[in-house]
Amino acid sequence: MLRKICAIGNSRGVSIPVEALEKLHLSVGSTVDVKLDEAGSKIVIEPARKKKYPKSIDKEFVSQVNEFIEKYGPALKELSKK
């Protein structure tokens, strides 16, 4: 199926047919992973999968660490340069 690239603000986008979205159980607001294939010749778009952690890892702790990194990541990156 051919699609055209369109402007979306300062970015570019491609519409995805409803049939494909339904088959993958995606809807408006779903998160997808966009990457190039190994040869760098194809764009691959696939549903983002939640990371699965071993049962021994506390999910609440992982959530707190992710929040910390999101909040303080830029400051930590700057400090690492010094």
N, C-alpha and C. Protein backbone atom coordinates (compact mmCIF):
# COMPACT_ATOMS: atom_id res chain seq x y z
N MET A 1 0.84 -1.18 0.00
CA MET A 1 0.00 0.00 0.00
C MET A 1 0.88 1.24 0.00
N LEU A 2 0.67 2.08 -0.92
CA LEU A 2 1.46 3.30 -1.05
C LEU A 2 0.86 4.41 -0.19
N ARG A 3 1.71 5.17 0.42
CA ARG A 3 1.31 6.31 1.24
C ARG A 3 2.25 7.46 0.92
N LYS A 4 1.79 8.68 1.16
CA LYS A 4 2.64 9.85 0.97
C LYS A 4 3.06 10.38 2.33
N ILE A 5 4.26 10.93 2.38
CA ILE A 5 4.74 11.57 3.60
C ILE A 5 4.11 12.95 3.67
N CYS A 6 3.60 13.31 4.84
CA CYS A 6 2.96 14.61 5.01
C CYS A 6 3.65 15.37 6.14
N ALA A 7 3.46 16.68 6.15
CA ALA A 7 4.03 17.52 7.20
C ALA A 7 3.11 17.50 8.41
N ILE A 8 3.73 17.34 9.59
CA ILE A 8 3.02 17.40 10.87
C ILE A 8 3.86 18.30 11.75
N GLY A 9 3.55 19.59 11.77
CA GLY A 9 4.38 20.56 12.49
C GLY A 9 5.75 20.60 11.86
N ASN A 10 6.80 20.45 12.68
CA ASN A 10 8.17 20.42 12.16
C ASN A 10 8.61 19.01 11.80
N SER A 11 7.73 18.03 11.99
CA SER A 11 8.05 16.64 11.70
C SER A 11 7.37 16.21 10.41
N ARG A 12 7.54 14.96 10.07
CA ARG A 12 6.88 14.36 8.91
C ARG A 12 6.19 13.10 9.38
N GLY A 13 5.12 12.72 8.70
CA GLY A 13 4.38 11.53 9.10
C GLY A 13 3.79 10.80 7.93
N VAL A 14 3.33 9.60 8.22
CA VAL A 14 2.68 8.74 7.23
C VAL A 14 1.42 8.20 7.89
N SER A 15 0.30 8.23 7.18
CA SER A 15 -0.93 7.67 7.74
C SER A 15 -0.85 6.15 7.69
N ILE A 16 -1.45 5.52 8.68
CA ILE A 16 -1.47 4.06 8.76
C ILE A 16 -2.92 3.61 8.58
N PRO A 17 -3.15 2.67 7.66
CA PRO A 17 -4.53 2.22 7.42
C PRO A 17 -5.18 1.65 8.68
N VAL A 18 -6.47 1.92 8.83
CA VAL A 18 -7.23 1.46 9.99
C VAL A 18 -7.14 -0.06 10.14
N GLU A 19 -7.16 -0.77 9.02
CA GLU A 19 -7.11 -2.24 9.08
C GLU A 19 -5.83 -2.72 9.77
N ALA A 20 -4.71 -2.07 9.46
CA ALA A 20 -3.43 -2.45 10.08
C ALA A 20 -3.45 -2.11 11.57
N LEU A 21 -3.99 -0.95 11.92
CA LEU A 21 -4.07 -0.56 13.33
C LEU A 21 -4.93 -1.54 14.12
N GLU A 22 -6.06 -1.91 13.54
CA GLU A 22 -6.96 -2.84 14.23
C GLU A 22 -6.30 -4.20 14.42
N LYS A 23 -5.60 -4.68 13.39
CA LYS A 23 -4.94 -5.99 13.48
C LYS A 23 -3.89 -6.01 14.58
N LEU A 24 -3.20 -4.87 14.78
CA LEU A 24 -2.16 -4.76 15.80
C LEU A 24 -2.69 -4.23 17.14
N HIS A 25 -3.99 -4.01 17.22
CA HIS A 25 -4.64 -3.49 18.44
C HIS A 25 -4.05 -2.14 18.83
N LEU A 26 -3.87 -1.26 17.85
CA LEU A 26 -3.36 0.08 18.09
C LEU A 26 -4.48 1.09 17.84
N SER A 27 -4.38 2.22 18.51
CA SER A 27 -5.35 3.30 18.31
C SER A 27 -4.64 4.62 18.53
N VAL A 28 -5.37 5.71 18.35
CA VAL A 28 -4.80 7.03 18.58
C VAL A 28 -4.26 7.09 20.00
N GLY A 29 -3.00 7.51 20.15
CA GLY A 29 -2.37 7.59 21.46
C GLY A 29 -1.50 6.38 21.78
N SER A 30 -1.60 5.31 20.99
CA SER A 30 -0.74 4.14 21.23
C SER A 30 0.71 4.52 20.97
N THR A 31 1.62 3.87 21.68
CA THR A 31 3.04 4.13 21.50
C THR A 31 3.62 3.09 20.56
N VAL A 32 4.41 3.57 19.59
CA VAL A 32 5.09 2.67 18.65
C VAL A 32 6.58 2.95 18.67
N ASP A 33 7.35 1.97 18.23
CA ASP A 33 8.80 2.10 18.14
C ASP A 33 9.14 2.26 16.66
N VAL A 34 9.86 3.33 16.31
CA VAL A 34 10.25 3.60 14.93
C VAL A 34 11.76 3.48 14.83
N LYS A 35 12.22 2.63 13.93
CA LYS A 35 13.66 2.44 13.77
C LYS A 35 13.98 2.05 12.34
N LEU A 36 15.26 2.13 12.00
CA LEU A 36 15.73 1.66 10.70
C LEU A 36 16.15 0.21 10.84
N ASP A 37 15.97 -0.57 9.76
CA ASP A 37 16.45 -1.95 9.79
C ASP A 37 17.97 -1.96 9.79
N GLU A 38 18.55 -3.12 9.95
CA GLU A 38 20.01 -3.22 10.07
C GLU A 38 20.75 -2.64 8.88
N ALA A 39 20.20 -2.80 7.70
CA ALA A 39 20.85 -2.27 6.50
C ALA A 39 20.60 -0.78 6.33
N GLY A 40 19.69 -0.25 7.12
CA GLY A 40 19.36 1.17 7.02
C GLY A 40 18.57 1.51 5.79
N SER A 41 17.90 0.51 5.21
CA SER A 41 17.17 0.74 3.97
C SER A 41 15.65 0.71 4.15
N LYS A 42 15.19 0.38 5.37
CA LYS A 42 13.75 0.32 5.64
C LYS A 42 13.43 0.98 6.97
N ILE A 43 12.28 1.60 7.02
CA ILE A 43 11.75 2.14 8.28
C ILE A 43 10.83 1.07 8.86
N VAL A 44 11.07 0.70 10.11
CA VAL A 44 10.25 -0.31 10.77
C VAL A 44 9.46 0.36 11.88
N ILE A 45 8.14 0.19 11.83
CA ILE A 45 7.26 0.73 12.87
C ILE A 45 6.57 -0.46 13.51
N GLU A 46 6.74 -0.61 14.83
CA GLU A 46 6.10 -1.73 15.52
C GLU A 46 5.57 -1.27 16.86
N PRO A 47 4.54 -1.96 17.36
CA PRO A 47 4.00 -1.57 18.67
C PRO A 47 5.07 -1.63 19.73
N ALA A 48 5.08 -0.64 20.61
CA ALA A 48 6.03 -0.64 21.73
C ALA A 48 5.57 -1.70 22.71
N ARG A 49 6.49 -2.47 23.16
CA ARG A 49 6.19 -3.53 24.13
C ARG A 49 6.67 -3.10 25.50
N LYS A 50 5.88 -3.38 26.50
CA LYS A 50 6.29 -3.07 27.86
C LYS A 50 7.45 -3.98 28.23
N LYS A 51 8.42 -3.40 28.93
CA LYS A 51 9.56 -4.19 29.38
C LYS A 51 9.10 -5.13 30.48
N LYS A 52 9.55 -6.35 30.37
CA LYS A 52 9.22 -7.33 31.42
C LYS A 52 10.45 -7.51 32.29
N TYR A 53 10.24 -7.42 33.59
CA TYR A 53 11.32 -7.56 34.55
C TYR A 53 11.16 -8.88 35.29
N PRO A 54 12.26 -9.44 35.73
CA PRO A 54 12.16 -10.65 36.55
C PRO A 54 11.32 -10.38 37.79
N LYS A 55 10.67 -11.42 38.31
CA LYS A 55 9.79 -11.27 39.47
C LYS A 55 10.52 -10.69 40.68
N SER A 56 11.84 -10.87 40.73
CA SER A 56 12.61 -10.40 41.88
C SER A 56 12.79 -8.88 41.88
N ILE A 57 12.49 -8.22 40.77
CA ILE A 57 12.65 -6.76 40.69
C ILE A 57 11.32 -6.09 41.01
N ASP A 58 11.36 -5.18 41.96
CA ASP A 58 10.17 -4.46 42.41
C ASP A 58 9.76 -3.43 41.36
N LYS A 59 8.55 -3.56 40.81
CA LYS A 59 8.07 -2.65 39.77
C LYS A 59 7.98 -1.20 40.26
N GLU A 60 7.63 -1.02 41.51
CA GLU A 60 7.54 0.33 42.09
C GLU A 60 8.91 0.98 42.12
N PHE A 61 9.93 0.21 42.46
CA PHE A 61 11.29 0.74 42.47
C PHE A 61 11.72 1.14 41.07
N VAL A 62 11.44 0.31 40.08
CA VAL A 62 11.77 0.63 38.69
C VAL A 62 11.07 1.92 38.26
N SER A 63 9.82 2.07 38.65
CA SER A 63 9.07 3.28 38.33
C SER A 63 9.72 4.51 38.96
N GLN A 64 10.14 4.40 40.21
CA GLN A 64 10.79 5.52 40.89
C GLN A 64 12.11 5.87 40.24
N VAL A 65 12.89 4.87 39.85
CA VAL A 65 14.17 5.12 39.18
C VAL A 65 13.93 5.82 37.84
N ASN A 66 12.93 5.36 37.08
CA ASN A 66 12.63 5.99 35.79
C ASN A 66 12.20 7.45 35.97
N GLU A 67 11.40 7.72 36.99
CA GLU A 67 10.98 9.10 37.27
C GLU A 67 12.19 9.97 37.64
N PHE A 68 13.10 9.41 38.44
CA PHE A 68 14.30 10.13 38.84
C PHE A 68 15.14 10.47 37.62
N ILE A 69 15.33 9.49 36.74
CA ILE A 69 16.14 9.71 35.54
C ILE A 69 15.49 10.75 34.64
N GLU A 70 14.17 10.68 34.50
CA GLU A 70 13.47 11.66 33.66
C GLU A 70 13.61 13.07 34.24
N LYS A 71 13.50 13.18 35.56
CA LYS A 71 13.56 14.49 36.20
C LYS A 71 14.97 15.07 36.26
N TYR A 72 15.94 14.23 36.62
CA TYR A 72 17.30 14.73 36.86
C TYR A 72 18.30 14.33 35.77
N GLY A 73 17.85 13.61 34.75
CA GLY A 73 18.74 13.15 33.69
C GLY A 73 19.58 14.25 33.06
N PRO A 74 18.97 15.36 32.63
CA PRO A 74 19.77 16.43 32.01
C PRO A 74 20.84 16.99 32.95
N ALA A 75 20.51 17.17 34.23
CA ALA A 75 21.49 17.68 35.19
C ALA A 75 22.63 16.68 35.39
N LEU A 76 22.29 15.41 35.49
CA LEU A 76 23.31 14.38 35.66
C LEU A 76 24.21 14.30 34.44
N LYS A 77 23.64 14.48 33.26
CA LYS A 77 24.43 14.44 32.02
C LYS A 77 25.43 15.60 32.00
N GLU A 78 24.98 16.78 32.43
CA GLU A 78 25.88 17.94 32.48
C GLU A 78 26.99 17.73 33.51
N LEU A 79 26.62 17.19 34.67
CA LEU A 79 27.62 16.94 35.70
C LEU A 79 28.67 15.92 35.24
N SER A 80 28.27 14.97 34.43
CA SER A 80 29.21 13.95 33.97
C SER A 80 30.25 14.52 33.02
N LYS A 81 29.98 15.69 32.44
CA LYS A 81 30.92 16.33 31.51
C LYS A 81 32.04 17.06 32.24
N LYS A 82 31.87 17.28 33.55
CA LYS A 82 32.83 18.06 34.31
C LYS A 82 33.89 17.22 34.94
